[in-house]
Amino acid sequence: MGDRPQQYERRLQVKHFFDDKQTGAKRRTWLELQFLPPEKTTEGWVNDGKIRLSLGEDRDIKGAFLLSIDEACRLYKALEMIVEDHEAEKGRLWSE
């Protein structure tokens, strides 16, 4: 409710390791998804939850933003369509 801090739950962390061409050092970038569940207010209303996307490099957060559930649904659908298109094209190329 309004008097307790919001508690996000980590749902996914995707890490990418690469060699920095300038320094030769091993580097890491990452994407983290966190979820804030819906909650009921003291007045009896139910507020939507949020999805927080964080982008980082090594241990530093480089950027983060919140998505509403509607925005998260649109992102989900867009990713799903990209994967379906990718798989269809890959299958077409294998069958040539």
PDB file of N, CA and C in Angstrom:
ATOM      1  N   MET A   1       0.833  -1.175   0.000  1.00  0.00           N
ATOM      2  CA  MET A   1       0.000   0.000   0.000  1.00  0.00           C
ATOM      3  C   MET A   1       0.876   1.236   0.000  1.00  0.00           C
ATOM      4  N   GLY A   2       0.336   2.371   0.258  1.00  0.00           N
ATOM      5  CA  GLY A   2       1.070   3.603   0.122  1.00  0.00           C
ATOM      6  C   GLY A   2       2.178   3.817   1.130  1.00  0.00           C
ATOM      7  N   ASP A   3       2.149   3.140   2.296  1.00  0.00           N
ATOM      8  CA  ASP A   3       3.131   3.401   3.328  1.00  0.00           C
ATOM      9  C   ASP A   3       4.352   2.477   3.278  1.00  0.00           C
ATOM     10  N   ARG A   4       4.358   1.451   2.447  1.00  0.00           N
ATOM     11  CA  ARG A   4       5.529   0.580   2.366  1.00  0.00           C
ATOM     12  C   ARG A   4       6.252   0.801   1.036  1.00  0.00           C
ATOM     13  N   PRO A   5       7.563   0.590   1.013  1.00  0.00           N
ATOM     14  CA  PRO A   5       8.306   0.789  -0.234  1.00  0.00           C
ATOM     15  C   PRO A   5       7.908  -0.245  -1.283  1.00  0.00           C
ATOM     16  N   GLN A   6       8.005   0.161  -2.534  1.00  0.00           N
ATOM     17  CA  GLN A   6       7.668  -0.755  -3.623  1.00  0.00           C
ATOM     18  C   GLN A   6       8.738  -1.835  -3.718  1.00  0.00           C
ATOM     19  N   GLN A   7       8.311  -3.082  -3.826  1.00  0.00           N
ATOM     20  CA  GLN A   7       9.229  -4.209  -3.902  1.00  0.00           C
ATOM     21  C   GLN A   7       9.156  -4.845  -5.286  1.00  0.00           C
ATOM     22  N   TYR A   8      10.175  -4.594  -6.082  1.00  0.00           N
ATOM     23  CA  TYR A   8      10.267  -5.216  -7.393  1.00  0.00           C
ATOM     24  C   TYR A   8      10.878  -6.604  -7.247  1.00  0.00           C
ATOM     25  N   GLU A   9      10.381  -7.546  -8.038  1.00  0.00           N
ATOM     26  CA  GLU A   9      10.910  -8.911  -8.058  1.00  0.00           C
ATOM     27  C   GLU A   9      11.710  -9.093  -9.339  1.00  0.00           C
ATOM     28  N   ARG A  10      12.938  -9.598  -9.224  1.00  0.00           N
ATOM     29  CA  ARG A  10      13.721  -9.877 -10.430  1.00  0.00           C
ATOM     30  C   ARG A  10      13.117 -11.082 -11.128  1.00  0.00           C
ATOM     31  N   ARG A  11      12.832 -10.932 -12.408  1.00  0.00           N
ATOM     32  CA  ARG A  11      12.245 -12.018 -13.180  1.00  0.00           C
ATOM     33  C   ARG A  11      13.195 -12.582 -14.223  1.00  0.00           C
ATOM     34  N   LEU A  12      14.103 -11.757 -14.736  1.00  0.00           N
ATOM     35  CA  LEU A  12      15.009 -12.228 -15.783  1.00  0.00           C
ATOM     36  C   LEU A  12      16.227 -11.329 -15.824  1.00  0.00           C
ATOM     37  N   GLN A  13      17.396 -11.926 -15.997  1.00  0.00           N
ATOM     38  CA  GLN A  13      18.605 -11.155 -16.260  1.00  0.00           C
ATOM     39  C   GLN A  13      19.332 -11.843 -17.403  1.00  0.00           C
ATOM     40  N   VAL A  14      19.551 -11.103 -18.482  1.00  0.00           N
ATOM     41  CA  VAL A  14      20.263 -11.609 -19.648  1.00  0.00           C
ATOM     42  C   VAL A  14      21.615 -10.920 -19.677  1.00  0.00           C
ATOM     43  N   LYS A  15      22.690 -11.726 -19.716  1.00  0.00           N
ATOM     44  CA  LYS A  15      24.045 -11.181 -19.717  1.00  0.00           C
ATOM     45  C   LYS A  15      24.711 -11.476 -21.054  1.00  0.00           C
ATOM     46  N   HIS A  16      25.517 -10.522 -21.493  1.00  0.00           N
ATOM     47  CA  HIS A  16      26.271 -10.682 -22.733  1.00  0.00           C
ATOM     48  C   HIS A  16      27.724 -10.353 -22.423  1.00  0.00           C
ATOM     49  N   PHE A  17      28.622 -11.302 -22.657  1.00  0.00           N
ATOM     50  CA  PHE A  17      30.046 -11.098 -22.413  1.00  0.00           C
ATOM     51  C   PHE A  17      30.736 -10.888 -23.755  1.00  0.00           C
ATOM     52  N   PHE A  18      31.696  -9.961 -23.781  1.00  0.00           N
ATOM     53  CA  PHE A  18      32.427  -9.694 -25.019  1.00  0.00           C
ATOM     54  C   PHE A  18      33.821  -9.158 -24.694  1.00  0.00           C
ATOM     55  N   ASP A  19      34.699  -9.198 -25.680  1.00  0.00           N
ATOM     56  CA  ASP A  19      36.040  -8.639 -25.543  1.00  0.00           C
ATOM     57  C   ASP A  19      36.024  -7.209 -26.057  1.00  0.00           C
ATOM     58  N   ASP A  20      36.446  -6.281 -25.231  1.00  0.00           N
ATOM     59  CA  ASP A  20      36.537  -4.868 -25.609  1.00  0.00           C
ATOM     60  C   ASP A  20      37.692  -4.724 -26.596  1.00  0.00           C
ATOM     61  N   LYS A  21      37.404  -4.315 -27.825  1.00  0.00           N
ATOM     62  CA  LYS A  21      38.430  -4.219 -28.865  1.00  0.00           C
ATOM     63  C   LYS A  21      39.456  -3.132 -28.578  1.00  0.00           C
ATOM     64  N   GLN A  22      39.065  -2.096 -27.842  1.00  0.00           N
ATOM     65  CA  GLN A  22      40.002  -1.014 -27.527  1.00  0.00           C
ATOM     66  C   GLN A  22      40.968  -1.375 -26.411  1.00  0.00           C
ATOM     67  N   THR A  23      40.457  -2.020 -25.363  1.00  0.00           N
ATOM     68  CA  THR A  23      41.305  -2.320 -24.205  1.00  0.00           C
ATOM     69  C   THR A  23      41.712  -3.783 -24.123  1.00  0.00           C
ATOM     70  N   GLY A  24      41.030  -4.657 -24.833  1.00  0.00           N
ATOM     71  CA  GLY A  24      41.302  -6.084 -24.758  1.00  0.00           C
ATOM     72  C   GLY A  24      40.708  -6.750 -23.522  1.00  0.00           C
ATOM     73  N   ALA A  25      40.019  -5.974 -22.693  1.00  0.00           N
ATOM     74  CA  ALA A  25      39.441  -6.508 -21.460  1.00  0.00           C
ATOM     75  C   ALA A  25      38.130  -7.229 -21.747  1.00  0.00           C
ATOM     76  N   LYS A  26      37.817  -8.188 -20.881  1.00  0.00           N
ATOM     77  CA  LYS A  26      36.507  -8.836 -20.946  1.00  0.00           C
ATOM     78  C   LYS A  26      35.485  -7.878 -20.356  1.00  0.00           C
ATOM     79  N   ARG A  27      34.368  -7.702 -21.047  1.00  0.00           N
ATOM     80  CA  ARG A  27      33.319  -6.789 -20.580  1.00  0.00           C
ATOM     81  C   ARG A  27      32.005  -7.534 -20.535  1.00  0.00           C
ATOM     82  N   ARG A  28      31.035  -6.915 -19.874  1.00  0.00           N
ATOM     83  CA  ARG A  28      29.721  -7.537 -19.741  1.00  0.00           C
ATOM     84  C   ARG A  28      28.665  -6.446 -19.852  1.00  0.00           C
ATOM     85  N   THR A  29      27.637  -6.708 -20.645  1.00  0.00           N
ATOM     86  CA  THR A  29      26.439  -5.883 -20.658  1.00  0.00           C
ATOM     87  C   THR A  29      25.286  -6.764 -20.219  1.00  0.00           C
ATOM     88  N   TRP A  30      24.226  -6.146 -19.722  1.00  0.00           N
ATOM     89  CA  TRP A  30      23.112  -6.940 -19.229  1.00  0.00           C
ATOM     90  C   TRP A  30      21.799  -6.180 -19.339  1.00  0.00           C
ATOM     91  N   LEU A  31      20.743  -6.972 -19.367  1.00  0.00           N
ATOM     92  CA  LEU A  31      19.365  -6.480 -19.365  1.00  0.00           C
ATOM     93  C   LEU A  31      18.658  -7.207 -18.234  1.00  0.00           C
ATOM     94  N   GLU A  32      17.977  -6.446 -17.390  1.00  0.00           N
ATOM     95  CA  GLU A  32      17.259  -7.063 -16.277  1.00  0.00           C
ATOM     96  C   GLU A  32      15.807  -6.623 -16.318  1.00  0.00           C
ATOM     97  N   LEU A  33      14.909  -7.576 -16.131  1.00  0.00           N
ATOM     98  CA  LEU A  33      13.476  -7.297 -16.039  1.00  0.00           C
ATOM     99  C   LEU A  33      13.039  -7.538 -14.612  1.00  0.00           C
ATOM    100  N   GLN A  34      12.316  -6.568 -14.065  1.00  0.00           N
ATOM    101  CA  GLN A  34      11.772  -6.686 -12.720  1.00  0.00           C
ATOM    102  C   GLN A  34      10.281  -6.392 -12.784  1.00  0.00           C
ATOM    103  N   PHE A  35       9.554  -6.979 -11.852  1.00  0.00           N
ATOM    104  CA  PHE A  35       8.100  -6.896 -11.850  1.00  0.00           C
ATOM    105  C   PHE A  35       7.623  -6.340 -10.515  1.00  0.00           C
ATOM    106  N   LEU A  36       6.738  -5.362 -10.588  1.00  0.00           N
ATOM    107  CA  LEU A  36       6.041  -4.847  -9.413  1.00  0.00           C
ATOM    108  C   LEU A  36       4.592  -5.283  -9.545  1.00  0.00           C
ATOM    109  N   PRO A  37       4.121  -6.197  -8.685  1.00  0.00           N
ATOM    110  CA  PRO A  37       2.758  -6.709  -8.835  1.00  0.00           C
ATOM    111  C   PRO A  37       1.694  -5.642  -8.564  1.00  0.00           C
ATOM    112  N   PRO A  38       0.479  -5.867  -9.041  1.00  0.00           N
ATOM    113  CA  PRO A  38      -0.606  -4.933  -8.734  1.00  0.00           C
ATOM    114  C   PRO A  38      -0.857  -4.922  -7.235  1.00  0.00           C
ATOM    115  N   GLU A  39      -1.408  -3.815  -6.759  1.00  0.00           N
ATOM    116  CA  GLU A  39      -1.703  -3.734  -5.331  1.00  0.00           C
ATOM    117  C   GLU A  39      -2.972  -2.946  -5.092  1.00  0.00           C
ATOM    118  N   LYS A  40      -3.580  -3.213  -3.978  1.00  0.00           N
ATOM    119  CA  LYS A  40      -4.812  -2.534  -3.590  1.00  0.00           C
ATOM    120  C   LYS A  40      -4.460  -1.342  -2.704  1.00  0.00           C
ATOM    121  N   THR A  41      -5.065  -0.198  -2.980  1.00  0.00           N
ATOM    122  CA  THR A  41      -4.824   0.993  -2.185  1.00  0.00           C
ATOM    123  C   THR A  41      -5.693   0.971  -0.925  1.00  0.00           C
ATOM    124  N   THR A  42      -5.397   1.872  -0.022  1.00  0.00           N
ATOM    125  CA  THR A  42      -6.196   1.955   1.209  1.00  0.00           C
ATOM    126  C   THR A  42      -7.626   2.377   0.908  1.00  0.00           C
ATOM    127  N   GLU A  43      -7.843   3.035  -0.249  1.00  0.00           N
ATOM    128  CA  GLU A  43      -9.194   3.444  -0.640  1.00  0.00           C
ATOM    129  C   GLU A  43      -9.972   2.328  -1.329  1.00  0.00           C
ATOM    130  N   GLY A  44      -9.309   1.184  -1.596  1.00  0.00           N
ATOM    131  CA  GLY A  44      -9.997   0.064  -2.223  1.00  0.00           C
ATOM    132  C   GLY A  44      -9.765  -0.064  -3.723  1.00  0.00           C
ATOM    133  N   TRP A  45      -9.004   0.850  -4.329  1.00  0.00           N
ATOM    134  CA  TRP A  45      -8.692   0.758  -5.752  1.00  0.00           C
ATOM    135  C   TRP A  45      -7.554  -0.234  -5.964  1.00  0.00           C
ATOM    136  N   VAL A  46      -7.514  -0.821  -7.133  1.00  0.00           N
ATOM    137  CA  VAL A  46      -6.409  -1.721  -7.481  1.00  0.00           C
ATOM    138  C   VAL A  46      -5.570  -1.030  -8.547  1.00  0.00           C
ATOM    139  N   ASN A  47      -4.318  -0.787  -8.214  1.00  0.00           N
ATOM    140  CA  ASN A  47      -3.379  -0.163  -9.157  1.00  0.00           C
ATOM    141  C   ASN A  47      -2.665  -1.241  -9.962  1.00  0.00           C
ATOM    142  N   ASP A  48      -2.444  -0.952 -11.245  1.00  0.00           N
ATOM    143  CA  ASP A  48      -1.684  -1.875 -12.090  1.00  0.00           C
ATOM    144  C   ASP A  48      -0.259  -1.997 -11.580  1.00  0.00           C
ATOM    145  N   GLY A  49       0.342  -3.130 -11.879  1.00  0.00           N
ATOM    146  CA  GLY A  49       1.755  -3.327 -11.600  1.00  0.00           C
ATOM    147  C   GLY A  49       2.589  -2.643 -12.673  1.00  0.00           C
ATOM    148  N   LYS A  50       3.869  -2.767 -12.575  1.00  0.00           N
ATOM    149  CA  LYS A  50       4.808  -2.173 -13.528  1.00  0.00           C
ATOM    150  C   LYS A  50       5.890  -3.188 -13.854  1.00  0.00           C
ATOM    151  N   ILE A  51       6.518  -2.981 -14.987  1.00  0.00           N
ATOM    152  CA  ILE A  51       7.691  -3.740 -15.392  1.00  0.00           C
ATOM    153  C   ILE A  51       8.838  -2.739 -15.481  1.00  0.00           C
ATOM    154  N   ARG A  52       9.940  -3.036 -14.814  1.00  0.00           N
ATOM    155  CA  ARG A  52      11.112  -2.155 -14.901  1.00  0.00           C
ATOM    156  C   ARG A  52      12.183  -2.865 -15.704  1.00  0.00           C
ATOM    157  N   LEU A  53      12.661  -2.191 -16.753  1.00  0.00           N
ATOM    158  CA  LEU A  53      13.767  -2.692 -17.575  1.00  0.00           C
ATOM    159  C   LEU A  53      15.006  -1.901 -17.202  1.00  0.00           C
ATOM    160  N   SER A  54      16.068  -2.598 -16.892  1.00  0.00           N
ATOM    161  CA  SER A  54      17.333  -1.939 -16.580  1.00  0.00           C
ATOM    162  C   SER A  54      18.394  -2.448 -17.539  1.00  0.00           C
ATOM    163  N   LEU A  55      19.201  -1.533 -18.056  1.00  0.00           N
ATOM    164  CA  LEU A  55      20.316  -1.871 -18.933  1.00  0.00           C
ATOM    165  C   LEU A  55      21.591  -1.473 -18.225  1.00  0.00           C
ATOM    166  N   GLY A  56      22.585  -2.349 -18.278  1.00  0.00           N
ATOM    167  CA  GLY A  56      23.811  -2.027 -17.580  1.00  0.00           C
ATOM    168  C   GLY A  56      25.035  -2.552 -18.279  1.00  0.00           C
ATOM    169  N   GLU A  57      26.168  -2.065 -17.785  1.00  0.00           N
ATOM    170  CA  GLU A  57      27.460  -2.508 -18.274  1.00  0.00           C
ATOM    171  C   GLU A  57      28.320  -2.805 -17.060  1.00  0.00           C
ATOM    172  N   ASP A  58      28.912  -3.989 -17.044  1.00  0.00           N
ATOM    173  CA  ASP A  58      29.645  -4.481 -15.879  1.00  0.00           C
ATOM    174  C   ASP A  58      28.733  -4.401 -14.662  1.00  0.00           C
ATOM    175  N   ARG A  59      29.045  -3.593 -13.665  1.00  0.00           N
ATOM    176  CA  ARG A  59      28.180  -3.506 -12.474  1.00  0.00           C
ATOM    177  C   ARG A  59      27.335  -2.239 -12.454  1.00  0.00           C
ATOM    178  N   ASP A  60      27.484  -1.380 -13.448  1.00  0.00           N
ATOM    179  CA  ASP A  60      26.783  -0.090 -13.454  1.00  0.00           C
ATOM    180  C   ASP A  60      25.493  -0.151 -14.256  1.00  0.00           C
ATOM    181  N   ILE A  61      24.449   0.481 -13.724  1.00  0.00           N
ATOM    182  CA  ILE A  61      23.212   0.653 -14.478  1.00  0.00           C
ATOM    183  C   ILE A  61      23.408   1.841 -15.413  1.00  0.00           C
ATOM    184  N   LYS A  62      23.205   1.629 -16.697  1.00  0.00           N
ATOM    185  CA  LYS A  62      23.341   2.701 -17.684  1.00  0.00           C
ATOM    186  C   LYS A  62      22.005   3.365 -17.974  1.00  0.00           C
ATOM    187  N   GLY A  63      20.930   2.659 -17.747  1.00  0.00           N
ATOM    188  CA  GLY A  63      19.609   3.225 -17.984  1.00  0.00           C
ATOM    189  C   GLY A  63      18.534   2.290 -17.483  1.00  0.00           C
ATOM    190  N   ALA A  64      17.405   2.871 -17.109  1.00  0.00           N
ATOM    191  CA  ALA A  64      16.276   2.072 -16.648  1.00  0.00           C
ATOM    192  C   ALA A  64      14.999   2.840 -16.944  1.00  0.00           C
ATOM    193  N   PHE A  65      13.922   2.123 -17.209  1.00  0.00           N
ATOM    194  CA  PHE A  65      12.635   2.778 -17.403  1.00  0.00           C
ATOM    195  C   PHE A  65      11.524   1.814 -17.033  1.00  0.00           C
ATOM    196  N   LEU A  66      10.382   2.391 -16.741  1.00  0.00           N
ATOM    197  CA  LEU A  66       9.215   1.611 -16.359  1.00  0.00           C
ATOM    198  C   LEU A  66       8.279   1.443 -17.541  1.00  0.00           C
ATOM    199  N   LEU A  67       7.683   0.274 -17.632  1.00  0.00           N
ATOM    200  CA  LEU A  67       6.651   0.006 -18.625  1.00  0.00           C
ATOM    201  C   LEU A  67       5.341  -0.248 -17.895  1.00  0.00           C
ATOM    202  N   SER A  68       4.276   0.322 -18.417  1.00  0.00           N
ATOM    203  CA  SER A  68       2.957  -0.059 -17.914  1.00  0.00           C
ATOM    204  C   SER A  68       2.680  -1.477 -18.410  1.00  0.00           C
ATOM    205  N   ILE A  69       1.662  -2.100 -17.893  1.00  0.00           N
ATOM    206  CA  ILE A  69       1.313  -3.442 -18.344  1.00  0.00           C
ATOM    207  C   ILE A  69       0.894  -3.410 -19.817  1.00  0.00           C
ATOM    208  N   ASP A  70       0.199  -2.354 -20.250  1.00  0.00           N
ATOM    209  CA  ASP A  70      -0.169  -2.223 -21.667  1.00  0.00           C
ATOM    210  C   ASP A  70       1.078  -2.121 -22.544  1.00  0.00           C
ATOM    211  N   GLU A  71       2.049  -1.321 -22.119  1.00  0.00           N
ATOM    212  CA  GLU A  71       3.290  -1.193 -22.894  1.00  0.00           C
ATOM    213  C   GLU A  71       4.048  -2.516 -22.915  1.00  0.00           C
ATOM    214  N   ALA A  72       4.056  -3.225 -21.795  1.00  0.00           N
ATOM    215  CA  ALA A  72       4.725  -4.513 -21.738  1.00  0.00           C
ATOM    216  C   ALA A  72       4.056  -5.517 -22.673  1.00  0.00           C
ATOM    217  N   CYS A  73       2.740  -5.463 -22.769  1.00  0.00           N
ATOM    218  CA  CYS A  73       2.005  -6.346 -23.692  1.00  0.00           C
ATOM    219  C   CYS A  73       2.379  -6.059 -25.141  1.00  0.00           C
ATOM    220  N   ARG A  74       2.498  -4.783 -25.487  1.00  0.00           N
ATOM    221  CA  ARG A  74       2.898  -4.425 -26.852  1.00  0.00           C
ATOM    222  C   ARG A  74       4.323  -4.885 -27.141  1.00  0.00           C
ATOM    223  N   LEU A  75       5.220  -4.730 -26.172  1.00  0.00           N
ATOM    224  CA  LEU A  75       6.593  -5.199 -26.343  1.00  0.00           C
ATOM    225  C   LEU A  75       6.616  -6.715 -26.514  1.00  0.00           C
ATOM    226  N   TYR A  76       5.859  -7.420 -25.698  1.00  0.00           N
ATOM    227  CA  TYR A  76       5.769  -8.881 -25.785  1.00  0.00           C
ATOM    228  C   TYR A  76       5.296  -9.313 -27.175  1.00  0.00           C
ATOM    229  N   LYS A  77       4.231  -8.687 -27.661  1.00  0.00           N
ATOM    230  CA  LYS A  77       3.688  -9.040 -28.984  1.00  0.00           C
ATOM    231  C   LYS A  77       4.704  -8.754 -30.082  1.00  0.00           C
ATOM    232  N   ALA A  78       5.399  -7.608 -29.984  1.00  0.00           N
ATOM    233  CA  ALA A  78       6.402  -7.260 -30.993  1.00  0.00           C
ATOM    234  C   ALA A  78       7.542  -8.275 -30.989  1.00  0.00           C
ATOM    235  N   LEU A  79       8.025  -8.667 -29.817  1.00  0.00           N
ATOM    236  CA  LEU A  79       9.088  -9.674 -29.734  1.00  0.00           C
ATOM    237  C   LEU A  79       8.614 -11.021 -30.277  1.00  0.00           C
ATOM    238  N   GLU A  80       7.383 -11.379 -29.962  1.00  0.00           N
ATOM    239  CA  GLU A  80       6.834 -12.635 -30.450  1.00  0.00           C
ATOM    240  C   GLU A  80       6.767 -12.643 -31.984  1.00  0.00           C
ATOM    241  N   MET A  81       6.327 -11.536 -32.572  1.00  0.00           N
ATOM    242  CA  MET A  81       6.245 -11.452 -34.035  1.00  0.00           C
ATOM    243  C   MET A  81       7.635 -11.493 -34.662  1.00  0.00           C
ATOM    244  N   ILE A  82       8.620 -10.843 -34.046  1.00  0.00           N
ATOM    245  CA  ILE A  82       9.994 -10.866 -34.565  1.00  0.00           C
ATOM    246  C   ILE A  82      10.532 -12.288 -34.564  1.00  0.00           C
ATOM    247  N   VAL A  83      10.319 -13.013 -33.468  1.00  0.00           N
ATOM    248  CA  VAL A  83      10.802 -14.392 -33.378  1.00  0.00           C
ATOM    249  C   VAL A  83      10.100 -15.273 -34.408  1.00  0.00           C
ATOM    250  N   GLU A  84       8.793 -15.106 -34.561  1.00  0.00           N
ATOM    251  CA  GLU A  84       8.066 -15.900 -35.557  1.00  0.00           C
ATOM    252  C   GLU A  84       8.575 -15.608 -36.965  1.00  0.00           C
ATOM    253  N   ASP A  85       8.789 -14.341 -37.299  1.00  0.00           N
ATOM    254  CA  ASP A  85       9.320 -13.978 -38.617  1.00  0.00           C
ATOM    255  C   ASP A  85      10.724 -14.553 -38.816  1.00  0.00           C
ATOM    256  N   HIS A  86      11.537 -14.478 -37.783  1.00  0.00           N
ATOM    257  CA  HIS A  86      12.892 -15.023 -37.844  1.00  0.00           C
ATOM    258  C   HIS A  86      12.868 -16.518 -38.131  1.00  0.00           C
ATOM    259  N   GLU A  87      12.045 -17.241 -37.374  1.00  0.00           N
ATOM    260  CA  GLU A  87      11.986 -18.695 -37.539  1.00  0.00           C
ATOM    261  C   GLU A  87      11.434 -19.091 -38.902  1.00  0.00           C
ATOM    262  N   ALA A  88      10.457 -18.347 -39.395  1.00  0.00           N
ATOM    263  CA  ALA A  88       9.907 -18.636 -40.721  1.00  0.00           C
ATOM    264  C   ALA A  88      10.965 -18.413 -41.802  1.00  0.00           C
ATOM    265  N   GLU A  89      11.717 -17.323 -41.685  1.00  0.00           N
ATOM    266  CA  GLU A  89      12.769 -17.032 -42.673  1.00  0.00           C
ATOM    267  C   GLU A  89      13.894 -18.057 -42.580  1.00  0.00           C
ATOM    268  N   LYS A  90      14.260 -18.437 -41.387  1.00  0.00           N
ATOM    269  CA  LYS A  90      15.310 -19.446 -41.200  1.00  0.00           C
ATOM    270  C   LYS A  90      14.883 -20.777 -41.809  1.00  0.00           C
ATOM    271  N   GLY A  91      13.628 -21.165 -41.596  1.00  0.00           N
ATOM    272  CA  GLY A  91      13.112 -22.394 -42.187  1.00  0.00           C
ATOM    273  C   GLY A  91      13.101 -22.326 -43.715  1.00  0.00           C
ATOM    274  N   ARG A  92      12.714 -21.155 -44.254  1.00  0.00           N
ATOM    275  CA  ARG A  92      12.711 -20.980 -45.699  1.00  0.00           C
ATOM    276  C   ARG A  92      14.113 -21.128 -46.266  1.00  0.00           C
ATOM    277  N   LEU A  93      15.106 -20.531 -45.583  1.00  0.00           N
ATOM    278  CA  LEU A  93      16.486 -20.610 -46.052  1.00  0.00           C
ATOM    279  C   LEU A  93      17.022 -22.032 -45.988  1.00  0.00           C
ATOM    280  N   TRP A  94      16.667 -22.787 -44.944  1.00  0.00           N
ATOM    281  CA  TRP A  94      17.126 -24.179 -44.847  1.00  0.00           C
ATOM    282  C   TRP A  94      16.505 -25.044 -45.939  1.00  0.00           C
ATOM    283  N   SER A  95      15.303 -24.720 -46.369  1.00  0.00           N
ATOM    284  CA  SER A  95      14.640 -25.562 -47.363  1.00  0.00           C
ATOM    285  C   SER A  95      15.056 -25.238 -48.798  1.00  0.00           C
ATOM    286  N   GLU A  96      15.850 -24.198 -48.998  1.00  0.00           N
ATOM    287  CA  GLU A  96      16.309 -23.861 -50.368  1.00  0.00           C
ATOM    288  C   GLU A  96      17.323 -24.859 -50.866  1.00  0.00           C
TER     289      GLU A  96
END
